[in-house]
Amino acid sequence: MDDATRTEIEAAAFRRLRQHLMEDRPDVQNIDLMNLAGFCRNCLSRWYQEAAAERGIEIAKDEAREIYYGMPYDQWRAQNQTEADDAKKAAFKTAFDENVLKK
């Protein structure tokens, strides 16, 4: 497989993951994704921002989130996010520290 085809396939897989998380399963909470998988929608928007920066394209955090979420992040939160209990918040702190801060 040539590099261009591989990149196209990887991009298509990313778009499908985004569709799954944003359209098919918006009910799945970011905190649950982070606690179970070590990443969430915000991570995906940050990775998008980092990939752009590697190519000399500066995108602000809020802009990257809006690109990923398809709307301002606060709007997404108001429409989809529920309050997490203390146990989920504690697990999130651990998952965030292990998967985001220690990278």
N, C-alpha and C. Protein backbone atom coordinates (compact mmCIF):
# COMPACT_ATOMS: atom_id res chain seq x y z
N MET A 1 0.85 -1.17 0.00
CA MET A 1 0.00 0.00 0.00
C MET A 1 0.90 1.24 0.00
N ASP A 2 0.61 2.18 -0.86
CA ASP A 2 1.43 3.40 -0.91
C ASP A 2 1.01 4.36 0.21
N ASP A 3 1.88 5.33 0.50
CA ASP A 3 1.66 6.26 1.61
C ASP A 3 0.39 7.08 1.44
N ALA A 4 0.10 7.52 0.22
CA ALA A 4 -1.10 8.34 -0.01
C ALA A 4 -2.37 7.54 0.28
N THR A 5 -2.40 6.30 -0.14
CA THR A 5 -3.57 5.45 0.10
C THR A 5 -3.71 5.17 1.59
N ARG A 6 -2.60 4.87 2.26
CA ARG A 6 -2.62 4.64 3.70
C ARG A 6 -3.16 5.85 4.43
N THR A 7 -2.71 7.04 4.05
CA THR A 7 -3.18 8.27 4.68
C THR A 7 -4.67 8.47 4.45
N GLU A 8 -5.14 8.19 3.24
CA GLU A 8 -6.57 8.31 2.94
C GLU A 8 -7.40 7.35 3.80
N ILE A 9 -6.93 6.13 3.96
CA ILE A 9 -7.63 5.14 4.76
C ILE A 9 -7.63 5.54 6.23
N GLU A 10 -6.49 6.00 6.72
CA GLU A 10 -6.42 6.45 8.11
C GLU A 10 -7.35 7.64 8.35
N ALA A 11 -7.40 8.57 7.41
CA ALA A 11 -8.29 9.73 7.54
C ALA A 11 -9.75 9.29 7.53
N ALA A 12 -10.09 8.33 6.69
CA ALA A 12 -11.46 7.82 6.64
C ALA A 12 -11.82 7.13 7.96
N ALA A 13 -10.89 6.39 8.52
CA ALA A 13 -11.14 5.72 9.80
C ALA A 13 -11.34 6.75 10.91
N PHE A 14 -10.55 7.83 10.91
CA PHE A 14 -10.72 8.91 11.89
C PHE A 14 -12.10 9.55 11.74
N ARG A 15 -12.50 9.83 10.49
CA ARG A 15 -13.81 10.45 10.27
C ARG A 15 -14.93 9.53 10.75
N ARG A 16 -14.76 8.23 10.56
CA ARG A 16 -15.78 7.28 11.02
C ARG A 16 -15.83 7.21 12.54
N LEU A 17 -14.67 7.26 13.19
CA LEU A 17 -14.63 7.30 14.65
C LEU A 17 -15.33 8.55 15.16
N ARG A 18 -15.04 9.67 14.53
CA ARG A 18 -15.68 10.93 14.92
C ARG A 18 -17.20 10.81 14.76
N GLN A 19 -17.65 10.27 13.63
CA GLN A 19 -19.09 10.10 13.39
C GLN A 19 -19.71 9.22 14.47
N HIS A 20 -19.01 8.14 14.79
CA HIS A 20 -19.53 7.22 15.81
C HIS A 20 -19.69 7.94 17.15
N LEU A 21 -18.67 8.68 17.57
CA LEU A 21 -18.72 9.34 18.86
C LEU A 21 -19.65 10.55 18.89
N MET A 22 -19.76 11.25 17.77
CA MET A 22 -20.54 12.49 17.76
C MET A 22 -22.00 12.27 17.35
N GLU A 23 -22.24 11.33 16.44
CA GLU A 23 -23.59 11.15 15.90
C GLU A 23 -24.26 9.87 16.40
N ASP A 24 -23.50 8.77 16.35
CA ASP A 24 -24.09 7.48 16.72
C ASP A 24 -24.21 7.32 18.23
N ARG A 25 -23.21 7.80 18.97
CA ARG A 25 -23.17 7.60 20.43
C ARG A 25 -22.84 8.87 21.21
N PRO A 26 -23.59 9.96 20.99
CA PRO A 26 -23.33 11.16 21.77
C PRO A 26 -23.66 10.98 23.25
N ASP A 27 -24.39 9.91 23.57
CA ASP A 27 -24.74 9.62 24.95
C ASP A 27 -23.57 9.13 25.77
N VAL A 28 -22.54 8.61 25.12
CA VAL A 28 -21.36 8.14 25.84
C VAL A 28 -20.60 9.36 26.33
N GLN A 29 -20.41 9.45 27.61
CA GLN A 29 -19.80 10.61 28.22
C GLN A 29 -18.28 10.60 28.04
N ASN A 30 -17.71 11.78 27.87
CA ASN A 30 -16.25 11.90 27.76
C ASN A 30 -15.55 11.29 28.97
N ILE A 31 -16.09 11.51 30.14
CA ILE A 31 -15.45 10.99 31.35
C ILE A 31 -15.41 9.46 31.32
N ASP A 32 -16.46 8.84 30.78
CA ASP A 32 -16.46 7.37 30.67
C ASP A 32 -15.44 6.88 29.65
N LEU A 33 -15.34 7.61 28.52
CA LEU A 33 -14.31 7.27 27.53
C LEU A 33 -12.92 7.35 28.14
N MET A 34 -12.64 8.44 28.84
CA MET A 34 -11.32 8.63 29.43
C MET A 34 -11.05 7.55 30.48
N ASN A 35 -12.03 7.28 31.31
CA ASN A 35 -11.83 6.30 32.37
C ASN A 35 -11.62 4.89 31.83
N LEU A 36 -12.28 4.54 30.74
CA LEU A 36 -12.16 3.19 30.18
C LEU A 36 -11.06 3.05 29.15
N ALA A 37 -10.88 4.08 28.32
CA ALA A 37 -9.97 3.95 27.18
C ALA A 37 -8.74 4.85 27.26
N GLY A 38 -8.74 5.80 28.17
CA GLY A 38 -7.58 6.68 28.29
C GLY A 38 -7.57 7.82 27.29
N PHE A 39 -8.69 8.04 26.60
CA PHE A 39 -8.83 9.18 25.70
C PHE A 39 -10.32 9.51 25.58
N CYS A 40 -10.60 10.72 25.11
CA CYS A 40 -11.99 11.14 24.92
C CYS A 40 -12.07 12.07 23.71
N ARG A 41 -13.21 12.64 23.48
CA ARG A 41 -13.38 13.55 22.35
C ARG A 41 -12.42 14.73 22.44
N ASN A 42 -12.20 15.23 23.66
CA ASN A 42 -11.28 16.36 23.82
C ASN A 42 -9.86 15.96 23.43
N CYS A 43 -9.48 14.74 23.73
CA CYS A 43 -8.16 14.25 23.31
C CYS A 43 -8.07 14.25 21.79
N LEU A 44 -9.12 13.77 21.13
CA LEU A 44 -9.12 13.75 19.67
C LEU A 44 -8.99 15.15 19.10
N SER A 45 -9.66 16.13 19.70
CA SER A 45 -9.53 17.51 19.22
C SER A 45 -8.12 18.03 19.48
N ARG A 46 -7.52 17.64 20.60
CA ARG A 46 -6.15 18.06 20.90
C ARG A 46 -5.17 17.41 19.93
N TRP A 47 -5.37 16.15 19.61
CA TRP A 47 -4.49 15.48 18.64
C TRP A 47 -4.61 16.12 17.27
N TYR A 48 -5.81 16.57 16.93
CA TYR A 48 -6.03 17.30 15.67
C TYR A 48 -5.21 18.60 15.70
N GLN A 49 -5.29 19.31 16.81
CA GLN A 49 -4.54 20.56 16.99
C GLN A 49 -3.04 20.30 16.90
N GLU A 50 -2.57 19.25 17.54
CA GLU A 50 -1.15 18.93 17.52
C GLU A 50 -0.69 18.54 16.11
N ALA A 51 -1.50 17.78 15.38
CA ALA A 51 -1.15 17.40 14.01
C ALA A 51 -1.06 18.64 13.12
N ALA A 52 -1.96 19.58 13.33
CA ALA A 52 -1.90 20.83 12.56
C ALA A 52 -0.62 21.59 12.90
N ALA A 53 -0.28 21.67 14.18
CA ALA A 53 0.92 22.39 14.61
C ALA A 53 2.18 21.77 14.01
N GLU A 54 2.20 20.44 13.92
CA GLU A 54 3.35 19.76 13.31
C GLU A 54 3.54 20.16 11.84
N ARG A 55 2.47 20.66 11.24
CA ARG A 55 2.52 21.09 9.85
C ARG A 55 2.56 22.61 9.72
N GLY A 56 2.84 23.28 10.84
CA GLY A 56 2.98 24.73 10.83
C GLY A 56 1.66 25.49 10.83
N ILE A 57 0.57 24.81 11.16
CA ILE A 57 -0.74 25.44 11.20
C ILE A 57 -1.16 25.58 12.66
N GLU A 58 -1.25 26.80 13.12
CA GLU A 58 -1.61 27.05 14.52
C GLU A 58 -3.13 27.14 14.65
N ILE A 59 -3.67 26.31 15.51
CA ILE A 59 -5.10 26.29 15.80
C ILE A 59 -5.24 26.38 17.32
N ALA A 60 -6.04 27.30 17.79
CA ALA A 60 -6.27 27.45 19.23
C ALA A 60 -7.06 26.24 19.75
N LYS A 61 -6.94 25.98 21.04
CA LYS A 61 -7.63 24.86 21.67
C LYS A 61 -9.13 24.92 21.41
N ASP A 62 -9.75 26.08 21.64
CA ASP A 62 -11.19 26.21 21.42
C ASP A 62 -11.56 26.01 19.96
N GLU A 63 -10.72 26.48 19.05
CA GLU A 63 -10.97 26.31 17.62
C GLU A 63 -10.90 24.83 17.24
N ALA A 64 -9.90 24.13 17.76
CA ALA A 64 -9.77 22.70 17.46
C ALA A 64 -10.98 21.93 18.00
N ARG A 65 -11.43 22.30 19.18
CA ARG A 65 -12.62 21.64 19.73
C ARG A 65 -13.84 21.91 18.87
N GLU A 66 -14.00 23.14 18.42
CA GLU A 66 -15.15 23.47 17.58
C GLU A 66 -15.09 22.72 16.26
N ILE A 67 -13.89 22.57 15.69
CA ILE A 67 -13.74 21.79 14.47
C ILE A 67 -14.16 20.34 14.73
N TYR A 68 -13.67 19.76 15.82
CA TYR A 68 -13.98 18.36 16.12
C TYR A 68 -15.46 18.17 16.46
N TYR A 69 -15.96 19.00 17.39
CA TYR A 69 -17.34 18.85 17.86
C TYR A 69 -18.37 19.33 16.85
N GLY A 70 -17.97 20.17 15.90
CA GLY A 70 -18.91 20.70 14.94
C GLY A 70 -19.78 21.81 15.50
N MET A 71 -19.39 22.30 16.67
CA MET A 71 -20.11 23.38 17.36
C MET A 71 -19.22 23.83 18.51
N PRO A 72 -19.50 24.98 19.10
CA PRO A 72 -18.72 25.37 20.28
C PRO A 72 -18.82 24.29 21.37
N TYR A 73 -17.71 24.07 22.05
CA TYR A 73 -17.65 23.02 23.06
C TYR A 73 -18.70 23.22 24.15
N ASP A 74 -18.91 24.47 24.59
CA ASP A 74 -19.91 24.73 25.62
C ASP A 74 -21.31 24.31 25.17
N GLN A 75 -21.60 24.48 23.89
CA GLN A 75 -22.89 24.06 23.35
C GLN A 75 -23.01 22.54 23.39
N TRP A 76 -21.94 21.84 23.00
CA TRP A 76 -21.93 20.37 23.07
C TRP A 76 -22.18 19.90 24.50
N ARG A 77 -21.45 20.52 25.43
CA ARG A 77 -21.60 20.14 26.83
C ARG A 77 -23.03 20.32 27.31
N ALA A 78 -23.64 21.47 26.97
CA ALA A 78 -25.01 21.74 27.40
C ALA A 78 -25.99 20.73 26.82
N GLN A 79 -25.75 20.29 25.61
CA GLN A 79 -26.66 19.35 24.94
C GLN A 79 -26.44 17.90 25.36
N ASN A 80 -25.22 17.53 25.73
CA ASN A 80 -24.89 16.11 25.87
C ASN A 80 -24.27 15.67 27.18
N GLN A 81 -23.66 16.57 27.91
CA GLN A 81 -22.90 16.14 29.08
C GLN A 81 -23.78 16.10 30.32
N THR A 82 -23.63 15.04 31.09
CA THR A 82 -24.34 14.91 32.36
C THR A 82 -23.34 15.05 33.50
N GLU A 83 -23.82 15.31 34.67
CA GLU A 83 -22.96 15.47 35.84
C GLU A 83 -22.39 14.11 36.24
N ALA A 84 -21.10 14.07 36.49
CA ALA A 84 -20.43 12.84 36.91
C ALA A 84 -20.43 12.74 38.43
N ASP A 85 -20.52 11.51 38.93
CA ASP A 85 -20.46 11.32 40.37
C ASP A 85 -19.00 11.37 40.84
N ASP A 86 -18.81 11.38 42.14
CA ASP A 86 -17.47 11.52 42.71
C ASP A 86 -16.54 10.38 42.32
N ALA A 87 -17.07 9.17 42.21
CA ALA A 87 -16.23 8.02 41.83
C ALA A 87 -15.71 8.19 40.40
N LYS A 88 -16.56 8.64 39.48
CA LYS A 88 -16.12 8.87 38.10
C LYS A 88 -15.10 9.99 38.04
N LYS A 89 -15.31 11.03 38.83
CA LYS A 89 -14.36 12.15 38.85
C LYS A 89 -12.99 11.71 39.37
N ALA A 90 -12.98 10.87 40.38
CA ALA A 90 -11.71 10.35 40.91
C ALA A 90 -11.01 9.47 39.89
N ALA A 91 -11.78 8.60 39.23
CA ALA A 91 -11.20 7.74 38.20
C ALA A 91 -10.68 8.58 37.04
N PHE A 92 -11.39 9.66 36.71
CA PHE A 92 -10.95 10.54 35.63
C PHE A 92 -9.61 11.18 35.96
N LYS A 93 -9.46 11.64 37.20
CA LYS A 93 -8.19 12.27 37.58
C LYS A 93 -7.04 11.29 37.37
N THR A 94 -7.22 10.06 37.77
CA THR A 94 -6.19 9.04 37.57
C THR A 94 -5.93 8.81 36.08
N ALA A 95 -7.01 8.62 35.30
CA ALA A 95 -6.87 8.35 33.88
C ALA A 95 -6.21 9.54 33.17
N PHE A 96 -6.60 10.76 33.53
CA PHE A 96 -6.03 11.95 32.92
C PHE A 96 -4.54 12.04 33.24
N ASP A 97 -4.20 11.84 34.50
CA ASP A 97 -2.79 11.89 34.90
C ASP A 97 -1.97 10.85 34.17
N GLU A 98 -2.49 9.65 34.02
CA GLU A 98 -1.76 8.55 33.38
C GLU A 98 -1.67 8.70 31.85
N ASN A 99 -2.70 9.25 31.24
CA ASN A 99 -2.79 9.25 29.79
C ASN A 99 -2.53 10.58 29.13
N VAL A 100 -2.64 11.66 29.86
CA VAL A 100 -2.44 12.99 29.27
C VAL A 100 -1.21 13.67 29.86
N LEU A 101 -1.14 13.75 31.16
CA LEU A 101 -0.05 14.48 31.79
C LEU A 101 1.30 13.77 31.70
N LYS A 102 1.31 12.45 31.72
CA LYS A 102 2.56 11.69 31.73
C LYS A 102 3.05 11.36 30.32
N LYS A 103 2.53 12.02 29.32
CA LYS A 103 2.96 11.77 27.93
C LYS A 103 4.15 12.64 27.62
